[in-house]
Protein backbone atom coordinates (compact mmCIF):
# COMPACT_ATOMS: atom_id res chain seq x y z
CA MET A 1 129.62 38.96 26.38
CA GLY A 2 131.39 36.51 24.01
CA GLY A 3 134.86 37.07 25.17
CA SER A 4 134.87 40.98 24.53
CA THR A 5 136.91 43.11 26.38
CA SER A 6 134.24 45.86 26.74
CA SER A 7 131.03 47.14 24.95
CA PRO A 8 130.47 49.42 21.56
CA MET A 9 128.17 51.59 23.26
CA GLY A 10 129.12 55.46 22.90
CA LYS A 11 131.40 55.23 20.21
CA THR A 12 131.64 55.34 16.50
CA TYR A 13 132.82 52.50 14.31
CA LEU A 14 134.18 52.44 9.92
CA SER A 15 135.00 49.38 8.48
CA THR A 16 138.21 48.55 7.55
CA ALA A 17 137.20 45.06 5.53
CA VAL A 18 134.22 42.42 4.83
CA THR A 19 134.72 39.10 4.11
CA GLU A 20 132.03 36.31 2.72
CA ASP A 21 132.99 32.14 3.79
CA GLY A 22 136.70 33.65 4.29
CA ASN A 23 136.85 36.12 0.73
CA PRO A 24 137.21 39.56 0.76
CA LYS A 25 133.59 41.07 0.00
CA ASP A 26 133.99 44.99 -1.85
CA LEU A 27 131.93 47.29 -1.24
CA VAL A 28 130.45 49.87 -3.36
CA PRO A 29 133.47 52.24 -4.50
CA ASN A 30 134.26 55.23 -2.22
CA THR A 31 131.80 53.76 0.55
CA ARG A 32 132.23 52.27 3.83
CA ILE A 33 130.09 50.79 6.64
CA ARG A 34 129.29 53.55 9.39
CA LEU A 35 127.73 52.08 12.62
CA GLU A 36 127.37 54.49 15.52
CA PHE A 37 126.26 53.07 19.03
CA ALA A 38 124.47 55.54 21.76
CA GLU A 39 122.58 55.85 24.81
CA GLN A 40 119.83 57.78 25.19
CA PRO A 41 117.63 58.62 28.13
CA ASN A 42 113.48 57.91 27.55
CA PRO A 43 111.51 61.13 27.48
CA ASN A 44 108.48 58.58 28.42
CA GLU A 45 107.49 57.99 31.98
CA GLU A 46 106.55 54.45 30.31
CA GLY A 47 109.38 52.15 28.98
CA PRO A 48 112.55 51.56 29.58
CA ARG A 49 114.81 54.90 31.39
CA VAL A 50 117.49 54.37 29.18
CA TYR A 51 117.66 53.08 25.35
CA HIS A 52 120.69 51.47 23.75
CA CYS A 53 120.65 52.43 19.81
CA LEU A 54 122.39 51.75 16.78
CA GLY A 55 122.26 53.65 13.53
CA ALA A 56 124.15 52.35 10.24
CA TYR A 57 125.17 53.98 7.03
CA ALA A 58 126.77 52.62 4.05
CA GLY A 59 126.66 55.26 1.81
CA CYS A 60 122.94 55.36 0.82
CA ASN A 61 119.97 55.40 3.58
CA GLN A 62 120.03 55.65 7.12
CA PHE A 63 119.12 52.64 9.62
CA GLY A 64 118.02 52.71 13.08
CA ALA A 65 117.46 50.32 16.21
CA SER A 66 116.78 51.08 19.68
CA ALA A 67 116.23 48.43 22.71
CA ALA A 68 116.15 48.42 26.56
CA ALA A 69 119.54 49.30 28.20
CA GLY A 70 121.44 46.03 28.21
CA GLU A 71 119.44 43.97 25.64
CA LEU A 72 120.66 45.29 22.39
CA LEU A 73 124.16 43.98 23.09
CA ALA A 74 123.02 41.30 25.16
CA ASP A 75 125.35 37.29 25.25
CA GLY A 76 127.69 38.27 22.78
CA ARG A 77 125.21 39.18 20.15
CA LEU A 78 123.33 41.88 18.67
CA TRP A 79 119.69 41.80 19.40
CA ILE A 80 117.13 43.88 16.89
CA ASP A 81 113.70 43.26 17.13
CA GLY A 82 112.17 46.72 15.42
CA TYR A 83 114.10 48.65 13.14
CA PHE A 84 113.60 51.80 10.67
CA VAL A 85 115.08 52.32 7.38
CA THR A 86 114.99 55.80 5.49
CA GLN A 87 113.36 55.70 2.08
CA GLN A 88 116.00 57.89 0.35
CA ARG A 89 116.59 56.18 -3.51
CA CYS A 90 119.86 56.05 -4.81
CA GLU A 91 121.69 53.90 -7.30
CA PRO A 92 120.98 50.25 -7.31
CA PRO A 93 124.18 49.20 -5.94
CA LEU A 94 123.88 51.19 -3.20
CA MET A 95 120.42 50.26 -2.23
CA ALA A 96 121.75 46.41 -2.65
CA GLN A 97 124.22 47.25 -0.47
CA ASP A 98 121.76 48.64 2.17
CA GLU A 99 119.68 45.29 1.76
CA TRP A 100 122.53 43.41 2.84
CA LEU A 101 123.64 45.37 5.60
CA THR A 102 120.16 45.55 7.06
CA LYS A 103 119.91 41.93 6.47
CA PHE A 104 123.00 41.04 8.06
CA LEU A 105 122.59 43.41 11.13
CA VAL A 106 119.21 41.91 11.74
CA SER A 107 120.32 38.37 11.65
CA GLN A 108 121.81 38.49 15.15
CA PRO A 109 125.07 38.60 14.17
CA SER A 110 128.34 37.62 16.92
CA TRP A 111 130.26 40.50 18.19
CA HIS A 112 133.81 41.08 19.90
CA LEU A 113 136.01 44.26 20.56
CA ASN A 114 139.47 44.22 20.57
CA HIS A 115 141.31 47.22 21.18
CA GLY A 116 139.01 49.47 19.08
CA GLN A 117 138.51 46.94 16.74
CA LEU A 118 134.91 45.68 16.41
CA THR A 119 134.40 42.32 14.63
CA LEU A 120 130.51 41.25 13.66
CA ALA A 121 130.24 37.90 11.95
CA SER A 122 126.75 35.67 11.30
CA ALA A 123 126.25 32.88 8.58
CA GLY A 124 129.75 32.80 7.31
CA THR A 125 129.88 36.69 6.73
CA ALA A 126 132.28 39.09 8.94
CA ILE A 127 132.48 42.64 9.00
CA THR A 128 135.32 44.45 10.88
CA LEU A 129 135.58 47.82 12.47
CA LEU A 130 137.67 50.31 13.69
CA ASP A 131 136.96 52.90 16.08
CA ARG A 132 136.05 56.31 14.25
CA LYS A 133 138.69 58.15 16.49
CA ILE A 134 140.88 55.82 15.75
CA ALA A 135 140.39 55.56 11.77
CA GLU A 136 139.80 59.40 11.67
CA PRO A 137 141.76 60.98 14.39
CA ASP A 138 139.84 64.56 15.32
CA PHE A 139 141.64 66.99 13.88
CA PRO A 140 143.48 69.66 15.95
CA LEU A 141 142.08 72.86 17.16
CA ASP A 142 144.94 74.78 15.99
CA GLY A 143 145.98 74.92 12.50
CA PRO A 144 142.75 74.59 10.36
CA ARG A 145 140.86 77.06 8.97
CA TRP A 146 137.32 76.42 10.55
CA LYS A 147 134.64 77.44 8.28
CA VAL A 148 131.25 78.28 9.64
CA ASP A 149 128.66 76.21 8.46
CA THR A 150 125.33 76.71 10.96
CA VAL A 151 124.65 79.05 13.69
CA ILE A 152 123.35 77.48 16.61
CA ILE A 153 120.24 79.78 17.41
CA LYS A 154 118.36 77.83 20.69
CA ASP A 155 119.20 75.61 23.42
CA GLY A 156 121.76 74.20 21.74
CA HIS A 157 120.06 72.38 19.40
CA LEU A 158 117.89 74.47 16.85
CA ARG A 159 120.38 75.10 13.81
CA GLN A 160 120.42 77.57 10.92
CA TYR A 161 121.82 77.79 7.71
CA HIS A 162 122.67 81.14 5.76
CA HIS A 163 123.17 80.01 2.27
CA GLY A 164 123.08 83.66 0.74
CA ALA A 165 125.78 84.67 3.27
CA GLU A 166 129.49 84.87 2.05
CA GLU A 167 131.93 82.54 3.32
CA ALA A 168 133.08 83.18 6.84
CA TRP A 169 135.96 81.53 8.97
CA ILE A 170 138.27 81.49 12.05
CA THR A 171 141.31 79.75 13.30
CA PHE A 172 143.09 79.17 16.11
CA ASP A 173 147.29 79.71 16.64
CA GLY A 174 147.72 79.12 20.70
CA GLY A 175 146.66 82.29 21.88
CA ARG A 176 145.84 83.97 19.04
CA LEU A 177 142.50 84.35 16.88
CA THR A 178 142.03 85.31 13.39
CA GLY A 179 139.38 84.75 10.95
CA TRP A 180 136.80 86.66 8.58
CA THR A 181 133.24 87.18 9.26
CA GLY A 182 132.03 87.26 5.41
CA CYS A 183 132.95 90.91 4.91
CA ASN A 184 135.74 91.85 7.56
CA GLU A 185 138.53 90.70 9.04
CA LEU A 186 138.91 89.43 12.51
CA SER A 187 141.30 89.20 15.40
CA GLY A 188 141.65 88.63 19.03
CA THR A 189 143.11 86.80 21.79
CA VAL A 190 142.01 83.05 23.50
CA THR A 191 142.90 81.25 26.55
CA ARG A 192 141.89 77.14 26.84
CA THR A 193 141.16 73.91 28.95
CA ARG A 194 140.39 70.97 27.65
CA THR A 195 136.42 71.87 26.99
CA GLU A 196 136.36 76.01 27.26
CA LEU A 197 138.04 78.71 25.02
CA THR A 198 137.40 82.43 26.74
CA PHE A 199 138.16 85.01 24.21
CA THR A 200 139.18 88.50 24.66
CA GLY A 201 139.83 91.79 22.51
CA VAL A 202 138.13 90.56 19.72
CA THR A 203 138.20 93.44 17.21
CA THR A 204 136.95 93.59 13.14
CA THR A 205 137.23 95.90 10.61
CA ASP A 206 134.84 98.45 9.89
CA HIS A 207 133.31 97.61 6.48
CA ALA A 208 129.78 97.38 6.96
CA CYS A 209 127.65 93.81 6.25
CA THR A 210 124.43 92.93 4.79
CA GLY A 211 121.86 90.62 4.07
CA GLU A 212 122.52 87.00 5.39
CA THR A 213 126.19 87.75 6.02
CA ALA A 214 125.51 90.17 8.60
CA GLU A 215 123.47 87.87 10.32
CA VAL A 216 126.16 85.47 10.49
CA GLU A 217 129.04 88.29 11.23
CA THR A 218 126.63 89.02 14.48
CA ALA A 219 126.32 85.10 15.24
CA ILE A 220 130.30 85.20 15.20
CA LEU A 221 131.16 88.30 17.38
CA THR A 222 128.07 87.07 20.01
CA THR A 223 129.57 83.61 19.84
CA LEU A 224 133.45 84.95 20.31
CA GLY A 225 132.12 87.30 23.03
CA ALA A 226 133.83 85.45 26.19
CA ARG A 227 133.70 82.60 27.21
CA VAL A 228 132.51 79.19 24.88
CA THR A 229 132.40 75.00 25.37
CA TYR A 230 133.75 73.54 22.34
CA THR A 231 134.00 69.94 21.04
CA ILE A 232 135.73 68.64 17.93
CA ASP A 233 134.22 65.53 16.13
CA TYR A 234 136.79 64.41 13.58
CA ASN A 235 136.37 67.74 11.25
CA ARG A 236 133.21 69.48 12.82
CA LEU A 237 133.95 72.11 15.57
CA THR A 238 130.83 73.12 17.71
CA LEU A 239 131.01 76.37 20.01
CA LEU A 240 128.08 77.03 22.41
CA THR A 241 127.98 79.88 24.74
CA PRO A 242 126.18 79.45 28.19
CA ALA A 243 123.10 80.57 27.01
CA GLY A 244 122.56 77.85 24.55
CA THR A 245 123.22 79.57 21.23
CA GLY A 246 126.82 79.10 19.21
CA LEU A 247 128.38 77.71 15.71
CA ASP A 248 128.82 74.67 13.82
CA LEU A 249 132.27 75.14 12.16
CA THR A 250 133.82 72.38 9.51
CA ALA A 251 137.77 72.20 8.98
CA VAL A 252 138.82 73.13 5.50
CA PRO A 253 141.95 71.46 4.82
């Protein structure tokens, strides 16, 4: 595949440089290009069993494309036949940047991957990107204050926001767990493997919670009731119980 050492499939990349005809091209301030390559099964009986998908974002709208496995990244090029773009209205510079990126992505650019650095090139334009895990390493579990963002209420997918709840958070320090449910202090112990956390002795103070804060506290205590799987994606932590419920949390520096 064009001399590439491996495939970017299954990873996310963030831009580090853009050039046009050898000269640096500036992106809109405070933006960068994000490309996400993912493999998804086809739930329908017809068509390919697996799709390879590309998602792109440069500060405004979301770009998406898919192809049968092996066809999106073939012969050292990115092959996009059909695609979709969301229709959010943004400031003109962001809209223009979206249009520029879309035109580039559908131009069948070549791609080359070397030690986490992905380069796409077409007609004098080159975009250099770095594996997100290198550009933005995942936060450690220990240390950050993990703020509760959403409650996972079904099958690991359905999420519920509680905008009226007081802020809630938990922290980890080795085998020690501390936190705040929005109206009560929380503490306990935790043991871990690479993918699982097991909580014991979780207790709280006994102030009465009300409204959405009470709902969030119940979700926290249910999640910390015993064993959960956990994943960290940069600054986001997901805790998931065997029943498919859990919490999404964000690291607060």
